[in-house]
Structure formats: C-alpha cells, structure tokens
Amino acid sequence: MFKHKSALLLALTLALSVIITACGGSSTGSTTSAPNKTDEAAATAPTTREYDTDKGKITIPTKPQRIVTDYYGGELLTVDANVIGVEPTAFKNPFIKDKLAEHKTVDVGTPLNMEKILELNPDLIVVMYDDNYDALSKIAPTVHIPYGTAKNIRETVNLFGDLTGNTEQAKQFLADYDKEAAAGREKLKGVVDANTTVGLYELTDKNALWIFGDNAGRGGQSVYDALQLKMPAKIAKDAQTTQLSLEALPEYDADYMFLTFYDPEGKSEALDKLKKSPVWSSLPAAKKNHIFYNDYDTFYRYDPIATKAQIPLFVDMILNSQPAK
C-alpha cells in the first residue's frame, strides 16, 4: 500500500510540474505572440500596380522609394516622396532646396543624362517632357505627366499623392495649405474687398511684357485660389498667359500689380526702361504705390510647396503698402 501511495504521489508531482512549466512559460519570453494584423497586411500588400498614363497602362511600384524626375521635384517633395534626381533649376528654388539637400538629390541635367540616371538606380521616373521616354523606360517605369495636366493645387497634390502611394501626406499638405490660406484672408480683411483686383505680370530681359492667370506660376494659385482675390476682368476673359504691348497695358491693369522680372544674365535694362515709361507711371497702382517688383526665382515657382509659402509673402506686400495711420 505504501508503494502504491508513493507511485500516486510521484504521478501527481510530475503532472503539477508540467502545469507549472506551461503556465510559467510566458514569463520566460519563450512563447510566440499572435501574428500582428498590420504586419500581415504589409507582408501581403502588392508591391506593384497598374497606372494609367497617356502612354497606356504601365506597372509602377506601389510605394516607389527612389524617384528621378525632370520638372516635378517640388510636386513630389510635397507628398514626401524620395526624389533622388532632378533637373538643375530645381536647386535654385528657394522653397525646396533644403529638402533636396536632405534627400541628397542629384542634378541629372537638362536634357536628362541617361548614364547618371542609370547609376542612381531609380524605381520610378516621372517626366513632364517625353523626349527621351523610350530610353528612360528601359531604366525604370516612366510616367509621363504633360505640363498642365493638373489645373490647380488640389489636383496637383492629389495626383502626386496617388502616384507615389502617399495619399495621407497629400491630405495633410492640403489641410495645412487651407490653414495658411485662411490666415492670409483674415489678415487682409478691411484692407481689400470683393472688388479689389490683383494682376500678375512679367517682364523679360527682351522687353516682352506678359500677363498671367491662376495656373501659370507667378503666384497665381496663392493669389486667386488661397487668398481668393479678384482677377481683372480683361485678364480673366483673354487668357492664362498673354503677351501685351506696353500701350495695351492700361486695359489689363489692377488695383495691386505684381511684376516678376526675367533677367537670367542680370544685364538687361528693360525694367528701368519700363519704370520710366509714361504708360507705366500713369497707372493708378503706380500712383498709389501698389506695384511690386518681385524676384523671379521666388515667384516663378508653382509647385505646391512654393504656392503655400508665397501666400504670406503676398499678404505682407499688400499690408506694407498701406499708408501709415
């Protein structure tokens, strides 16, 4: 009987030790946790997708990591895409040059340097001009987006957010843009009203004078979309971009006039000549000190980052032109 009880006690002890070991396993870190649903989704998410272009459907990365572009550096950086190569004038853009430095972006030349692009090993190429489309397509999937495809800042941001798989970044940028716009409009209350007109103009080193609408750079989206200022009726009627004779300018003037001066070599006397002309000096905006002469590199830019940053610049110019009280 003693032997029988000893055997039973031994069996119970062994069973108890198994239970204790099983229960204590979690404290030793030896058990495996249940799979994380987020990790599972990431592991099973497709790495490529079909994308519609004017060249037909092409296969692109779902989340491209190394992008080369010609003239869409600012648009891609707007949605936090990794731009590893861009054309040279982008590095003169005051609104994105720091971002280009952070990304260690390389100048890929104009026209695009195929050898340099090949060395960069991009997984996506985005171009405004399709001159080298076939050659580029042999290096990486290449998306051609012709100039003017997007008609305003919202279309632009959503287009590039979708292209890069960064739709949340696109939403956040537009929310920040709308905040900046609302703040600018609030500051201008009591200074401008619904009838106040604003015009955008450009003079070139060859004495050519142009007017611009709301989607050709020079601050168009900042002035007409963000700040919701009024375009002169004649400009609104005629065109987004039109060359004028100086004599015709009074038909296209505005209460506030913003002029950029394109003088790449810094040698032209065209601006001095314009300022001294009787037509220019007789404009109502000139008499009220409501004409502003703006840096070309700052106000030519039309990518969304530049557009957002230009909003307070226009607001400050208008406010600072008001007579002292």
Protein backbone atom coordinates (compact mmCIF):
# COMPACT_ATOMS: atom_id res chain seq x y z
CA MET A 1 0.00 0.00 0.00
CA PHE A 2 2.88 2.36 0.77
CA LYS A 3 4.37 1.65 -2.62
CA HIS A 4 1.00 2.34 -4.24
CA LYS A 5 0.69 5.73 -2.46
CA SER A 6 4.27 6.65 -3.40
CA ALA A 7 3.58 5.94 -7.06
CA LEU A 8 0.43 8.03 -6.95
CA LEU A 9 2.28 10.92 -5.25
CA LEU A 10 5.03 10.77 -7.87
CA ALA A 11 2.47 10.93 -10.70
CA LEU A 12 0.74 13.95 -9.16
CA THR A 13 4.07 15.73 -8.68
CA LEU A 14 5.02 15.19 -12.31
CA ALA A 15 1.64 16.43 -13.52
CA LEU A 16 1.86 19.50 -11.32
CA SER A 17 5.35 20.33 -12.63
CA VAL A 18 4.07 20.13 -16.23
CA ILE A 19 1.23 22.55 -15.39
CA ILE A 20 3.59 24.98 -13.64
CA THR A 21 6.02 24.89 -16.57
CA ALA A 22 3.22 25.57 -19.05
CA CYS A 23 1.82 28.43 -17.01
CA GLY A 24 5.19 29.98 -16.36
CA GLY A 25 6.26 29.92 -19.98
CA SER A 26 5.10 33.46 -20.64
CA SER A 27 7.44 34.85 -18.01
CA THR A 28 10.49 33.38 -19.72
CA GLY A 29 9.76 35.02 -23.11
CA SER A 30 9.81 31.65 -24.84
CA THR A 31 6.25 31.78 -26.18
CA THR A 32 5.40 33.31 -29.58
CA SER A 33 2.78 36.06 -29.78
CA ALA A 34 -0.12 36.03 -32.22
CA PRO A 35 0.69 37.50 -35.63
CA ASN A 36 0.19 41.29 -35.88
CA LYS A 37 -2.55 42.06 -38.40
CA THR A 38 -0.71 45.18 -39.59
CA ASP A 39 2.43 43.16 -40.25
CA GLU A 40 0.39 40.54 -42.08
CA ALA A 41 -1.24 43.21 -44.26
CA ALA A 42 2.13 44.75 -45.06
CA ALA A 43 3.58 41.38 -45.97
CA THR A 44 0.70 40.57 -48.32
CA ALA A 45 0.27 44.07 -49.86
CA PRO A 46 1.08 44.18 -53.59
CA THR A 47 4.43 45.76 -54.40
CA THR A 48 3.37 46.94 -57.87
CA ARG A 49 0.22 48.23 -59.54
CA GLU A 50 -1.08 49.27 -62.92
CA TYR A 51 -1.12 53.01 -63.57
CA ASP A 52 -2.92 54.78 -66.44
CA THR A 53 -0.84 57.25 -68.46
CA ASP A 54 -1.04 58.90 -71.87
CA LYS A 55 1.35 56.15 -72.98
CA GLY A 56 -1.04 53.45 -71.82
CA LYS A 57 -1.07 51.33 -68.67
CA ILE A 58 2.32 50.77 -67.06
CA THR A 59 3.39 48.82 -64.00
CA ILE A 60 4.81 51.02 -61.25
CA PRO A 61 5.85 50.39 -57.62
CA THR A 62 3.02 50.74 -55.14
CA LYS A 63 5.34 52.78 -52.90
CA PRO A 64 8.29 53.97 -55.01
CA GLN A 65 11.42 54.61 -52.97
CA ARG A 66 13.86 56.14 -55.47
CA ILE A 67 12.36 58.66 -57.88
CA VAL A 68 14.04 60.62 -60.66
CA THR A 69 12.20 63.49 -62.36
CA ASP A 70 12.79 66.38 -64.70
CA TYR A 71 10.49 69.23 -63.61
CA TYR A 72 8.34 67.67 -60.88
CA GLY A 73 10.75 67.86 -57.94
CA GLY A 74 8.58 70.20 -55.88
CA GLU A 75 5.38 68.30 -56.60
CA LEU A 76 6.94 65.01 -55.46
CA LEU A 77 8.51 66.54 -52.35
CA THR A 78 5.10 67.98 -51.46
CA VAL A 79 3.89 64.44 -50.66
CA ASP A 80 7.19 63.38 -49.02
CA ALA A 81 8.38 61.25 -51.93
CA ASN A 82 12.09 60.44 -52.06
CA VAL A 83 13.46 62.43 -55.01
CA ILE A 84 16.98 61.22 -55.79
CA GLY A 85 17.44 63.06 -59.11
CA VAL A 86 16.03 66.28 -60.61
CA GLU A 87 16.84 68.85 -63.30
CA PRO A 88 19.26 71.68 -62.35
CA THR A 89 16.94 74.69 -61.97
CA ALA A 90 15.18 72.96 -59.06
CA PHE A 91 18.23 73.71 -56.92
CA LYS A 92 17.51 77.44 -57.37
CA ASN A 93 14.01 77.05 -55.97
CA PRO A 94 14.24 78.71 -52.54
CA PHE A 95 11.30 76.72 -51.22
CA ILE A 96 12.65 73.20 -51.86
CA LYS A 97 16.44 73.50 -51.96
CA ASP A 98 16.77 72.47 -48.30
CA LYS A 99 14.59 69.43 -48.91
CA LEU A 100 16.71 68.48 -51.92
CA ALA A 101 19.78 68.67 -49.72
CA GLU A 102 18.13 66.45 -47.09
CA HIS A 103 17.34 63.85 -49.75
CA LYS A 104 20.86 64.17 -51.21
CA THR A 105 19.19 64.75 -54.55
CA VAL A 106 21.44 64.72 -57.59
CA ASP A 107 21.38 67.05 -60.59
CA VAL A 108 20.50 64.83 -63.57
CA GLY A 109 20.95 67.53 -66.19
CA THR A 110 18.99 69.16 -68.98
CA PRO A 111 18.47 67.25 -71.18
CA LEU A 112 18.35 64.33 -68.79
CA ASN A 113 21.64 62.47 -68.51
CA MET A 114 20.87 58.78 -69.13
CA GLU A 115 24.13 57.48 -67.69
CA LYS A 116 23.70 59.44 -64.46
CA ILE A 117 20.10 58.26 -64.09
CA LEU A 118 21.15 54.66 -64.68
CA GLU A 119 23.76 54.98 -61.92
CA LEU A 120 21.09 56.25 -59.50
CA ASN A 121 19.09 53.03 -59.96
CA PRO A 122 15.61 54.62 -59.67
CA ASP A 123 12.49 52.53 -59.26
CA LEU A 124 10.30 55.25 -60.84
CA ILE A 125 10.91 58.11 -63.29
CA VAL A 126 8.39 60.96 -63.66
CA VAL A 127 8.72 63.40 -66.56
CA MET A 128 6.97 66.49 -67.86
CA TYR A 129 8.56 66.10 -71.29
CA ASP A 130 8.71 62.82 -73.16
CA ASP A 131 11.71 63.49 -75.44
CA ASN A 132 13.64 60.51 -74.01
CA TYR A 133 10.69 58.44 -72.90
CA ASP A 134 11.71 55.18 -74.58
CA ALA A 135 15.27 55.34 -73.27
CA LEU A 136 14.09 56.21 -69.75
CA SER A 137 11.56 53.39 -69.77
CA LYS A 138 14.41 50.92 -70.22
CA ILE A 139 15.94 52.16 -66.96
CA ALA A 140 12.78 52.17 -64.79
CA PRO A 141 8.98 52.52 -65.10
CA THR A 142 8.46 56.00 -66.54
CA VAL A 143 5.31 58.11 -66.08
CA HIS A 144 4.76 61.00 -68.48
CA ILE A 145 2.63 63.79 -66.98
CA PRO A 146 2.35 66.60 -69.56
CA TYR A 147 2.53 70.20 -68.35
CA GLY A 148 -0.93 71.45 -67.41
CA THR A 149 -2.37 68.02 -66.59
CA ALA A 150 -3.44 69.28 -63.17
CA LYS A 151 -5.42 72.53 -63.26
CA ASN A 152 -4.90 73.71 -59.69
CA ILE A 153 -3.02 73.00 -56.49
CA ARG A 154 -5.56 70.48 -55.21
CA GLU A 155 -5.49 68.40 -58.36
CA THR A 156 -1.70 68.55 -58.33
CA VAL A 157 -1.29 67.38 -54.75
CA ASN A 158 -3.84 64.57 -55.14
CA LEU A 159 -2.27 63.43 -58.43
CA PHE A 160 1.22 63.09 -56.94
CA GLY A 161 -0.11 61.64 -53.70
CA ASP A 162 -1.82 58.89 -55.68
CA LEU A 163 1.17 58.34 -57.98
CA THR A 164 3.55 57.76 -55.05
CA GLY A 165 1.14 55.97 -52.74
CA ASN A 166 1.37 58.87 -50.29
CA THR A 167 -2.29 59.84 -50.13
CA GLU A 168 -2.23 60.61 -46.40
CA GLN A 169 0.67 63.04 -46.90
CA ALA A 170 -1.33 64.69 -49.67
CA LYS A 171 -4.34 65.15 -47.38
CA GLN A 172 -2.16 66.63 -44.65
CA PHE A 173 -0.48 69.08 -47.03
CA LEU A 174 -3.82 70.35 -48.32
CA ALA A 175 -5.10 70.76 -44.77
CA ASP A 176 -2.02 72.85 -43.92
CA TYR A 177 -2.45 74.84 -47.13
CA ASP A 178 -6.07 75.64 -46.28
CA LYS A 179 -4.98 76.85 -42.82
CA GLU A 180 -2.35 79.15 -44.32
CA ALA A 181 -4.88 80.46 -46.83
CA ALA A 182 -7.49 81.16 -44.17
CA ALA A 183 -4.92 83.00 -42.04
CA GLY A 184 -3.93 85.15 -45.02
CA ARG A 185 -7.52 86.07 -45.85
CA GLU A 186 -8.13 87.02 -42.23
CA LYS A 187 -5.17 89.43 -42.26
CA LEU A 188 -6.45 91.13 -45.41
CA LYS A 189 -9.92 91.79 -44.01
CA GLY A 190 -10.61 95.50 -44.04
CA VAL A 191 -7.72 96.12 -46.44
CA VAL A 192 -9.06 94.56 -49.62
CA ASP A 193 -12.65 93.80 -50.51
CA ALA A 194 -14.53 91.73 -53.07
CA ASN A 195 -14.00 94.37 -55.76
CA THR A 196 -10.25 94.81 -55.26
CA THR A 197 -8.37 93.46 -58.28
CA VAL A 198 -4.93 91.86 -58.34
CA GLY A 199 -2.89 91.31 -61.50
CA LEU A 200 0.21 89.22 -62.19
CA TYR A 201 2.71 90.38 -64.81
CA GLU A 202 6.15 89.51 -66.07
CA LEU A 203 8.79 91.48 -67.94
CA THR A 204 11.61 89.71 -69.76
CA ASP A 205 15.13 90.86 -70.48
CA LYS A 206 14.00 91.34 -74.10
CA ASN A 207 11.34 93.92 -73.12
CA ALA A 208 8.47 91.45 -73.58
CA LEU A 209 5.56 92.05 -71.20
CA TRP A 210 3.22 89.23 -70.20
CA ILE A 211 0.11 88.77 -68.06
CA PHE A 212 -0.72 85.59 -66.15
CA GLY A 213 -3.83 83.91 -64.78
CA ASP A 214 -4.33 81.49 -61.92
CA ASN A 215 -2.34 78.45 -63.04
CA ALA A 216 0.90 79.51 -64.66
CA GLY A 217 3.08 80.25 -61.67
CA ARG A 218 3.98 83.81 -60.64
CA GLY A 219 1.78 83.33 -57.57
CA GLY A 220 -1.46 82.59 -59.41
CA GLN A 221 -2.73 79.89 -57.07
CA SER A 222 -1.64 81.84 -53.99
CA VAL A 223 -3.46 85.00 -55.06
CA TYR A 224 -6.57 83.64 -56.75
CA ASP A 225 -7.16 80.30 -55.00
CA ALA A 226 -5.75 80.72 -51.49
CA LEU A 227 -6.43 84.42 -50.91
CA GLN A 228 -9.47 84.46 -53.23
CA LEU A 229 -8.57 87.86 -54.65
CA LYS A 230 -10.23 89.10 -57.82
CA MET A 231 -8.63 88.81 -61.25
CA PRO A 232 -9.07 91.84 -63.55
CA ALA A 233 -11.95 91.14 -65.93
CA LYS A 234 -9.83 91.65 -69.05
CA ILE A 235 -7.22 89.13 -67.89
CA ALA A 236 -9.91 86.63 -66.89
CA LYS A 237 -11.54 86.98 -70.29
CA ASP A 238 -8.50 86.75 -72.55
CA ALA A 239 -6.08 84.04 -71.43
CA GLN A 240 -3.99 82.48 -68.72
CA THR A 241 -0.82 83.68 -70.42
CA THR A 242 -0.81 86.55 -72.91
CA GLN A 243 1.87 88.88 -74.24
CA LEU A 244 0.98 92.58 -74.26
CA SER A 245 2.23 95.72 -75.83
CA LEU A 246 3.02 98.43 -73.29
CA GLU A 247 0.36 100.63 -74.86
CA ALA A 248 -2.31 97.98 -74.17
CA LEU A 249 -1.33 97.55 -70.52
CA PRO A 250 -3.86 100.06 -69.08
CA GLU A 251 -6.65 97.74 -70.28
CA TYR A 252 -5.18 94.97 -68.10
CA ASP A 253 -4.09 96.88 -65.01
CA ALA A 254 -5.25 96.12 -61.47
CA ASP A 255 -5.54 97.75 -58.05
CA TYR A 256 -2.48 95.74 -56.97
CA MET A 257 0.08 94.72 -59.59
CA PHE A 258 2.84 92.14 -59.02
CA LEU A 259 5.64 92.06 -61.59
CA THR A 260 8.41 89.47 -61.89
CA PHE A 261 11.46 90.30 -63.98
CA TYR A 262 13.12 87.56 -66.01
CA ASP A 263 16.74 88.61 -66.44
CA PRO A 264 18.88 85.45 -66.29
CA GLU A 265 22.15 87.23 -67.08
CA GLY A 266 21.46 90.24 -64.84
CA LYS A 267 22.38 92.66 -67.61
CA SER A 268 19.09 93.89 -69.01
CA GLU A 269 17.91 97.47 -68.59
CA ALA A 270 14.36 96.50 -69.53
CA LEU A 271 12.96 97.07 -66.03
CA ASP A 272 14.41 100.57 -65.70
CA LYS A 273 13.03 101.38 -69.12
CA LEU A 274 9.57 100.15 -68.12
CA LYS A 275 9.53 102.16 -64.89
CA LYS A 276 10.43 105.34 -66.76
CA SER A 277 7.73 104.94 -69.39
CA PRO A 278 4.77 107.35 -69.19
CA VAL A 279 2.32 104.47 -69.57
CA TRP A 280 3.68 102.66 -66.52
CA SER A 281 3.99 105.69 -64.27
CA SER A 282 0.45 106.83 -65.11
CA LEU A 283 -1.17 103.59 -63.90
CA PRO A 284 -3.38 104.08 -60.80
CA ALA A 285 -1.48 101.31 -59.00
CA ALA A 286 1.81 103.14 -59.60
CA LYS A 287 0.42 106.36 -58.16
CA LYS A 288 -0.76 104.52 -55.02
CA ASN A 289 2.48 102.57 -54.56
CA HIS A 290 0.63 99.34 -55.28
CA ILE A 291 3.09 97.92 -57.81
CA PHE A 292 5.50 95.30 -56.50
CA TYR A 293 8.72 94.15 -58.20
CA ASN A 294 9.38 90.55 -57.31
CA ASP A 295 12.28 88.14 -57.52
CA TYR A 296 11.88 85.75 -60.43
CA ASP A 297 13.14 82.58 -58.71
CA THR A 298 10.79 83.17 -55.77
CA PHE A 299 7.59 83.96 -57.66
CA TYR A 300 8.00 81.99 -60.88
CA ARG A 301 7.67 78.75 -58.91
CA TYR A 302 4.32 76.98 -58.99
CA ASP A 303 4.82 73.69 -57.14
CA PRO A 304 2.54 73.27 -54.10
CA ILE A 305 5.32 73.91 -51.58
CA ALA A 306 6.13 77.22 -53.26
CA THR A 307 2.47 78.14 -53.63
CA LYS A 308 1.82 77.67 -49.92
CA ALA A 309 4.94 79.63 -48.98
CA GLN A 310 4.03 82.52 -51.30
CA ILE A 311 0.73 83.19 -49.53
CA PRO A 312 2.17 85.21 -46.61
CA LEU A 313 4.58 86.97 -48.99
CA PHE A 314 1.68 88.44 -50.96
CA VAL A 315 -0.21 89.29 -47.78
CA ASP A 316 2.77 91.15 -46.33
CA MET A 317 3.35 93.14 -49.53
CA ILE A 318 -0.25 94.32 -49.59
CA LEU A 319 -0.27 95.18 -45.89
CA ASN A 320 3.05 97.00 -46.04
CA SER A 321 1.85 99.16 -48.93
CA GLN A 322 -0.91 100.72 -46.87
CA PRO A 323 -0.47 104.34 -45.82
CA ALA A 324 0.53 104.87 -42.21
CA LYS A 325 -2.36 105.73 -39.91
